[in-house]
């Protein structure tokens, strides 16, 4: 059943288009809206609460490839941790990835990964291009 409280621990990113992963923060309204959108459309997905099960450096690098965007485009610059890490909009990608590993709260949310593609759900309807 779609979104049936399927959570994952330490899962790698999806390997094919039959696998969908929601990088989810249930405290975020956009993340909850994206979860509801997927469920209402009958999309089977696995939920990964990235604050509880942070992505590894390797997963973050791969996520960037699937998003086809530089890390500076999917990091939450308004978070206190961004400034505390000494980052700014022009920081090199490696420094941003290091900060994302250290502070998972910096990951933009939600992100849906389907196979080899990923989309940031801001607004939530943006993820529909994957389906």
N, C-alpha and C. Protein backbone atom coordinates (compact mmCIF):
# COMPACT_ATOMS: atom_id res chain seq x y z
N UNK A 1 0.84 -1.19 0.00
CA UNK A 1 0.00 0.00 0.00
C UNK A 1 0.88 1.24 0.00
N UNK A 2 0.50 2.28 -0.69
CA UNK A 2 1.29 3.50 -0.81
C UNK A 2 1.48 4.16 0.54
N UNK A 3 2.73 4.52 0.83
CA UNK A 3 3.05 5.25 2.03
C UNK A 3 2.71 4.56 3.33
N UNK A 4 2.66 3.27 3.35
CA UNK A 4 2.18 2.52 4.49
C UNK A 4 3.19 2.46 5.62
N UNK A 5 3.62 3.61 6.10
CA UNK A 5 4.58 3.68 7.20
C UNK A 5 5.80 2.81 6.95
N UNK A 6 6.18 2.69 5.70
CA UNK A 6 7.38 1.95 5.36
C UNK A 6 8.56 2.89 5.56
N UNK A 7 9.34 2.61 6.57
CA UNK A 7 10.52 3.42 6.84
C UNK A 7 11.74 2.58 6.54
N UNK A 8 12.84 3.25 6.30
CA UNK A 8 14.04 2.52 5.91
C UNK A 8 15.19 2.97 6.79
N UNK A 9 16.07 2.06 7.02
CA UNK A 9 17.28 2.36 7.78
C UNK A 9 18.49 2.08 6.90
N UNK A 10 19.28 3.10 6.64
CA UNK A 10 20.52 2.92 5.91
C UNK A 10 20.35 2.44 4.48
N UNK A 11 19.19 2.70 3.88
CA UNK A 11 18.96 2.26 2.50
C UNK A 11 19.75 3.12 1.53
N UNK A 12 20.30 2.49 0.53
CA UNK A 12 20.89 3.26 -0.56
C UNK A 12 19.76 3.87 -1.38
N UNK A 13 20.11 4.72 -2.30
CA UNK A 13 19.11 5.35 -3.14
C UNK A 13 18.52 4.31 -4.10
N UNK A 14 17.31 4.56 -4.59
CA UNK A 14 16.67 3.61 -5.50
C UNK A 14 17.55 3.26 -6.70
N UNK A 15 17.39 2.02 -7.15
CA UNK A 15 18.20 1.52 -8.26
C UNK A 15 17.45 1.55 -9.59
N UNK A 16 16.10 1.61 -9.55
CA UNK A 16 15.33 1.61 -10.79
C UNK A 16 14.04 2.39 -10.59
N UNK A 17 13.31 2.62 -11.69
CA UNK A 17 12.10 3.43 -11.64
C UNK A 17 10.96 2.80 -10.85
N UNK A 18 11.07 1.55 -10.50
CA UNK A 18 10.05 0.91 -9.67
C UNK A 18 10.22 1.25 -8.19
N UNK A 19 11.35 1.85 -7.85
CA UNK A 19 11.64 2.19 -6.45
C UNK A 19 11.55 3.69 -6.26
N UNK A 20 10.79 4.09 -5.25
CA UNK A 20 10.61 5.50 -4.94
C UNK A 20 10.96 5.72 -3.47
N UNK A 21 11.74 6.75 -3.23
CA UNK A 21 12.17 7.09 -1.88
C UNK A 21 11.76 8.52 -1.57
N UNK A 22 11.11 8.71 -0.44
CA UNK A 22 10.77 10.04 0.05
C UNK A 22 11.71 10.38 1.19
N UNK A 23 12.56 11.38 0.97
CA UNK A 23 13.42 11.90 2.03
C UNK A 23 12.55 12.89 2.79
N UNK A 24 12.19 12.51 4.01
CA UNK A 24 11.05 13.10 4.70
C UNK A 24 11.41 13.65 6.07
N UNK A 25 10.81 14.80 6.37
CA UNK A 25 10.83 15.36 7.72
C UNK A 25 9.38 15.61 8.08
N UNK A 26 8.79 14.78 8.94
CA UNK A 26 7.36 14.90 9.23
C UNK A 26 6.97 16.21 9.91
N UNK A 27 7.94 16.97 10.39
CA UNK A 27 7.63 18.27 10.99
C UNK A 27 7.48 19.37 9.95
N UNK A 28 7.82 19.08 8.72
CA UNK A 28 7.77 20.07 7.63
C UNK A 28 6.44 19.94 6.88
N UNK A 29 5.73 21.05 6.72
CA UNK A 29 4.43 21.00 6.04
C UNK A 29 4.57 20.61 4.57
N UNK A 30 5.62 21.07 3.87
CA UNK A 30 5.82 20.66 2.48
C UNK A 30 6.12 19.18 2.38
N UNK A 31 6.85 18.65 3.34
CA UNK A 31 7.17 17.24 3.35
C UNK A 31 5.90 16.41 3.59
N UNK A 32 5.08 16.84 4.53
CA UNK A 32 3.82 16.13 4.78
C UNK A 32 2.89 16.22 3.57
N UNK A 33 2.86 17.38 2.93
CA UNK A 33 2.01 17.54 1.74
C UNK A 33 2.49 16.64 0.61
N UNK A 34 3.78 16.49 0.46
CA UNK A 34 4.32 15.62 -0.58
C UNK A 34 3.99 14.16 -0.27
N UNK A 35 4.12 13.78 0.98
CA UNK A 35 3.75 12.42 1.39
C UNK A 35 2.28 12.15 1.07
N UNK A 36 1.40 13.09 1.37
CA UNK A 36 -0.02 12.94 1.09
C UNK A 36 -0.28 12.87 -0.41
N UNK A 37 0.39 13.72 -1.17
CA UNK A 37 0.24 13.74 -2.63
C UNK A 37 0.60 12.38 -3.23
N UNK A 38 1.71 11.81 -2.80
CA UNK A 38 2.13 10.49 -3.30
C UNK A 38 1.11 9.42 -2.90
N UNK A 39 0.67 9.47 -1.65
CA UNK A 39 -0.29 8.48 -1.16
C UNK A 39 -1.60 8.56 -1.92
N UNK A 40 -2.11 9.78 -2.11
CA UNK A 40 -3.38 9.96 -2.82
C UNK A 40 -3.30 9.48 -4.27
N UNK A 41 -2.12 9.53 -4.85
CA UNK A 41 -1.95 9.09 -6.23
C UNK A 41 -1.60 7.60 -6.32
N UNK A 42 -1.56 6.92 -5.19
CA UNK A 42 -1.29 5.49 -5.18
C UNK A 42 0.15 5.12 -5.46
N UNK A 43 1.07 6.05 -5.24
CA UNK A 43 2.49 5.78 -5.47
C UNK A 43 3.05 5.01 -4.28
N UNK A 44 3.63 3.86 -4.55
CA UNK A 44 4.31 3.11 -3.50
C UNK A 44 5.68 3.72 -3.28
N UNK A 45 6.00 4.00 -2.04
CA UNK A 45 7.28 4.63 -1.73
C UNK A 45 7.77 4.17 -0.37
N UNK A 46 9.05 4.36 -0.19
CA UNK A 46 9.69 4.12 1.09
C UNK A 46 10.03 5.48 1.67
N UNK A 47 9.76 5.64 2.93
CA UNK A 47 10.05 6.89 3.62
C UNK A 47 11.38 6.75 4.37
N UNK A 48 12.22 7.74 4.22
CA UNK A 48 13.45 7.79 5.00
C UNK A 48 13.49 9.13 5.72
N UNK A 49 13.43 9.07 7.02
CA UNK A 49 13.50 10.27 7.84
C UNK A 49 14.97 10.62 8.01
N UNK A 50 15.41 11.50 7.14
CA UNK A 50 16.84 11.79 7.01
C UNK A 50 17.45 12.44 8.25
N UNK A 51 16.63 12.99 9.14
CA UNK A 51 17.19 13.54 10.38
C UNK A 51 17.55 12.40 11.34
N UNK A 52 16.81 11.30 11.27
CA UNK A 52 17.07 10.14 12.11
C UNK A 52 18.08 9.19 11.46
N UNK A 53 18.03 9.10 10.15
CA UNK A 53 18.92 8.24 9.36
C UNK A 53 19.58 9.08 8.29
N UNK A 54 20.59 9.88 8.67
CA UNK A 54 21.22 10.81 7.71
C UNK A 54 21.84 10.09 6.51
N UNK A 55 21.87 10.81 5.41
CA UNK A 55 22.52 10.28 4.22
C UNK A 55 24.02 10.33 4.40
N UNK A 56 24.69 9.36 3.82
CA UNK A 56 26.15 9.34 3.84
C UNK A 56 26.68 10.34 2.82
N UNK A 57 27.95 10.61 2.89
CA UNK A 57 28.58 11.49 1.90
C UNK A 57 28.36 10.94 0.49
N UNK A 58 28.54 9.64 0.33
CA UNK A 58 28.37 9.01 -0.97
C UNK A 58 26.93 9.15 -1.47
N UNK A 59 25.97 8.96 -0.57
CA UNK A 59 24.56 9.11 -0.96
C UNK A 59 24.26 10.55 -1.35
N UNK A 60 24.82 11.51 -0.62
CA UNK A 60 24.61 12.92 -0.95
C UNK A 60 25.20 13.26 -2.31
N UNK A 61 26.38 12.74 -2.60
CA UNK A 61 26.99 12.98 -3.91
C UNK A 61 26.11 12.41 -5.02
N UNK A 62 25.62 11.20 -4.81
CA UNK A 62 24.75 10.57 -5.80
C UNK A 62 23.42 11.31 -5.90
N UNK A 63 22.89 11.77 -4.78
CA UNK A 63 21.66 12.55 -4.80
C UNK A 63 21.83 13.79 -5.66
N UNK A 64 22.95 14.45 -5.54
CA UNK A 64 23.22 15.63 -6.36
C UNK A 64 23.21 15.31 -7.84
N UNK A 65 23.77 14.16 -8.21
CA UNK A 65 23.75 13.75 -9.62
C UNK A 65 22.32 13.52 -10.09
N UNK A 66 21.52 12.88 -9.24
CA UNK A 66 20.14 12.58 -9.63
C UNK A 66 19.28 13.84 -9.67
N UNK A 67 19.57 14.79 -8.81
CA UNK A 67 18.88 16.08 -8.85
C UNK A 67 19.35 16.92 -10.03
N UNK A 68 20.55 16.63 -10.50
CA UNK A 68 21.21 17.41 -11.56
C UNK A 68 21.34 18.87 -11.14
N UNK A 69 21.73 19.03 -9.86
CA UNK A 69 21.90 20.36 -9.28
C UNK A 69 23.09 20.33 -8.33
N UNK A 70 23.75 21.46 -8.23
CA UNK A 70 24.87 21.60 -7.30
C UNK A 70 24.33 21.62 -5.87
N UNK A 71 25.13 21.14 -4.90
CA UNK A 71 24.67 21.10 -3.51
C UNK A 71 24.16 22.45 -2.99
N UNK A 72 24.72 23.54 -3.45
CA UNK A 72 24.26 24.85 -3.01
C UNK A 72 22.82 25.15 -3.38
N UNK A 73 22.26 24.35 -4.30
CA UNK A 73 20.88 24.55 -4.74
C UNK A 73 19.88 23.70 -3.96
N UNK A 74 20.36 22.77 -3.14
CA UNK A 74 19.45 21.95 -2.34
C UNK A 74 19.90 21.87 -0.88
N UNK A 75 20.44 22.97 -0.44
CA UNK A 75 20.80 23.12 0.97
C UNK A 75 19.95 24.26 1.53
N UNK A 76 19.59 24.15 2.78
CA UNK A 76 18.77 25.16 3.44
C UNK A 76 19.67 26.26 4.00
N UNK A 77 19.84 27.30 3.23
CA UNK A 77 20.75 28.39 3.61
C UNK A 77 20.27 29.21 4.79
N UNK A 78 18.97 29.17 5.09
CA UNK A 78 18.42 29.96 6.19
C UNK A 78 18.61 29.33 7.56
N UNK A 79 19.08 28.10 7.61
CA UNK A 79 19.29 27.42 8.88
C UNK A 79 20.51 28.00 9.59
N UNK A 80 20.45 28.07 10.91
CA UNK A 80 21.58 28.58 11.71
C UNK A 80 22.83 27.75 11.46
N UNK A 81 22.68 26.46 11.21
CA UNK A 81 23.81 25.56 10.99
C UNK A 81 24.58 25.93 9.73
N UNK A 82 23.91 26.53 8.77
CA UNK A 82 24.57 26.94 7.53
C UNK A 82 25.63 28.00 7.84
N UNK A 83 25.22 29.03 8.57
CA UNK A 83 26.16 30.10 8.95
C UNK A 83 27.20 29.59 9.94
N UNK A 84 26.76 28.74 10.87
CA UNK A 84 27.69 28.21 11.88
C UNK A 84 28.80 27.38 11.24
N UNK A 85 28.49 26.76 10.10
CA UNK A 85 29.50 25.97 9.38
C UNK A 85 30.41 26.86 8.55
N UNK A 86 30.19 28.17 8.60
CA UNK A 86 31.02 29.10 7.85
C UNK A 86 30.71 29.11 6.36
N UNK A 87 29.50 28.70 6.01
CA UNK A 87 29.12 28.61 4.60
C UNK A 87 28.45 29.88 4.12
N UNK A 88 28.54 30.08 2.83
CA UNK A 88 27.80 31.14 2.15
C UNK A 88 27.37 30.60 0.80
N UNK A 89 26.55 31.35 0.09
CA UNK A 89 25.99 30.88 -1.18
C UNK A 89 27.07 30.43 -2.16
N UNK A 90 28.23 31.05 -2.11
CA UNK A 90 29.30 30.74 -3.06
C UNK A 90 30.28 29.67 -2.55
N UNK A 91 29.97 29.03 -1.44
CA UNK A 91 30.88 28.01 -0.90
C UNK A 91 31.04 26.85 -1.88
N UNK A 92 32.23 26.26 -1.91
CA UNK A 92 32.47 25.12 -2.81
C UNK A 92 31.57 23.93 -2.47
N UNK A 93 31.16 23.17 -3.47
CA UNK A 93 30.30 22.02 -3.25
C UNK A 93 30.81 21.06 -2.18
N UNK A 94 32.12 20.81 -2.14
CA UNK A 94 32.66 19.87 -1.15
C UNK A 94 32.40 20.35 0.28
N UNK A 95 32.53 21.64 0.51
CA UNK A 95 32.26 22.18 1.85
C UNK A 95 30.79 22.06 2.21
N UNK A 96 29.93 22.27 1.22
CA UNK A 96 28.49 22.14 1.48
C UNK A 96 28.14 20.69 1.77
N UNK A 97 28.70 19.76 1.01
CA UNK A 97 28.45 18.34 1.27
C UNK A 97 28.95 17.94 2.66
N UNK A 98 30.12 18.43 3.05
CA UNK A 98 30.64 18.15 4.40
C UNK A 98 29.66 18.64 5.46
N UNK A 99 29.11 19.83 5.25
CA UNK A 99 28.16 20.40 6.20
C UNK A 99 26.86 19.59 6.24
N UNK A 100 26.41 19.09 5.08
CA UNK A 100 25.21 18.26 5.03
C UNK A 100 25.40 16.95 5.79
N UNK A 101 26.60 16.39 5.72
CA UNK A 101 26.89 15.18 6.48
C UNK A 101 26.85 15.48 7.98
N UNK A 102 27.45 16.58 8.36
CA UNK A 102 27.53 16.96 9.76
C UNK A 102 26.19 17.46 10.31
N UNK A 103 25.42 18.12 9.47
CA UNK A 103 24.15 18.74 9.90
C UNK A 103 23.04 18.37 8.91
N UNK A 104 22.44 17.20 9.04
CA UNK A 104 21.41 16.76 8.09
C UNK A 104 20.23 17.73 7.97
N UNK A 105 20.01 18.56 8.99
CA UNK A 105 18.92 19.53 8.94
C UNK A 105 19.09 20.51 7.77
N UNK A 106 20.29 20.60 7.23
CA UNK A 106 20.55 21.50 6.11
C UNK A 106 20.01 20.97 4.78
N UNK A 107 19.62 19.71 4.73
CA UNK A 107 19.10 19.13 3.49
C UNK A 107 17.74 19.74 3.18
N UNK A 108 17.58 20.26 1.98
CA UNK A 108 16.28 20.78 1.56
C UNK A 108 15.27 19.64 1.60
N UNK A 109 14.05 19.98 1.88
CA UNK A 109 13.04 18.95 2.02
C UNK A 109 11.74 19.43 1.40
N UNK A 110 10.95 18.46 1.01
CA UNK A 110 11.25 17.05 0.84
C UNK A 110 11.96 16.81 -0.49
N UNK A 111 12.54 15.65 -0.61
CA UNK A 111 13.12 15.22 -1.88
C UNK A 111 12.56 13.84 -2.19
N UNK A 112 12.10 13.68 -3.42
CA UNK A 112 11.62 12.37 -3.87
C UNK A 112 12.61 11.86 -4.91
N UNK A 113 13.01 10.61 -4.72
CA UNK A 113 13.94 9.96 -5.64
C UNK A 113 13.20 8.79 -6.28
N UNK A 114 13.20 8.77 -7.59
CA UNK A 114 12.62 7.65 -8.33
C UNK A 114 13.68 7.18 -9.32
N UNK A 115 14.17 6.00 -9.09
CA UNK A 115 15.21 5.48 -9.97
C UNK A 115 16.40 6.41 -9.98
N UNK A 116 16.80 6.84 -11.15
CA UNK A 116 18.00 7.66 -11.29
C UNK A 116 17.70 9.16 -11.33
N UNK A 117 16.47 9.54 -10.97
CA UNK A 117 16.10 10.95 -10.96
C UNK A 117 15.58 11.35 -9.58
N UNK A 118 15.73 12.62 -9.26
CA UNK A 118 15.24 13.14 -7.99
C UNK A 118 14.75 14.57 -8.19
N UNK A 119 13.81 14.97 -7.34
CA UNK A 119 13.24 16.31 -7.40
C UNK A 119 12.98 16.80 -5.98
N UNK A 120 13.27 18.08 -5.77
CA UNK A 120 12.92 18.74 -4.51
C UNK A 120 11.45 19.11 -4.60
N UNK A 121 10.68 18.77 -3.59
CA UNK A 121 9.25 19.03 -3.58
C UNK A 121 8.88 20.38 -3.02
N UNK A 122 9.35 21.42 -3.66
CA UNK A 122 9.01 22.80 -3.27
C UNK A 122 8.61 23.56 -4.51
N UNK A 123 7.34 23.63 -4.80
CA UNK A 123 6.20 23.13 -4.05
C UNK A 123 6.06 21.61 -4.22
N UNK A 124 5.25 20.99 -3.39
CA UNK A 124 5.10 19.53 -3.44
C UNK A 124 4.74 19.00 -4.83
N UNK A 125 3.94 19.71 -5.59
CA UNK A 125 3.54 19.23 -6.92
C UNK A 125 4.72 19.10 -7.88
N UNK A 126 5.86 19.69 -7.56
CA UNK A 126 7.03 19.56 -8.43
C UNK A 126 7.46 18.11 -8.59
N UNK A 127 7.18 17.26 -7.58
CA UNK A 127 7.62 15.86 -7.65
C UNK A 127 6.84 15.06 -8.69
N UNK A 128 5.73 15.58 -9.14
CA UNK A 128 4.89 14.84 -10.10
C UNK A 128 5.60 14.63 -11.43
N UNK A 129 6.62 15.40 -11.75
CA UNK A 129 7.35 15.19 -13.00
C UNK A 129 8.03 13.82 -13.03
N UNK A 130 8.18 13.20 -11.87
CA UNK A 130 8.82 11.88 -11.80
C UNK A 130 7.84 10.76 -12.16
N UNK A 131 6.54 11.06 -12.26
CA UNK A 131 5.53 10.01 -12.44
C UNK A 131 4.70 10.20 -13.68
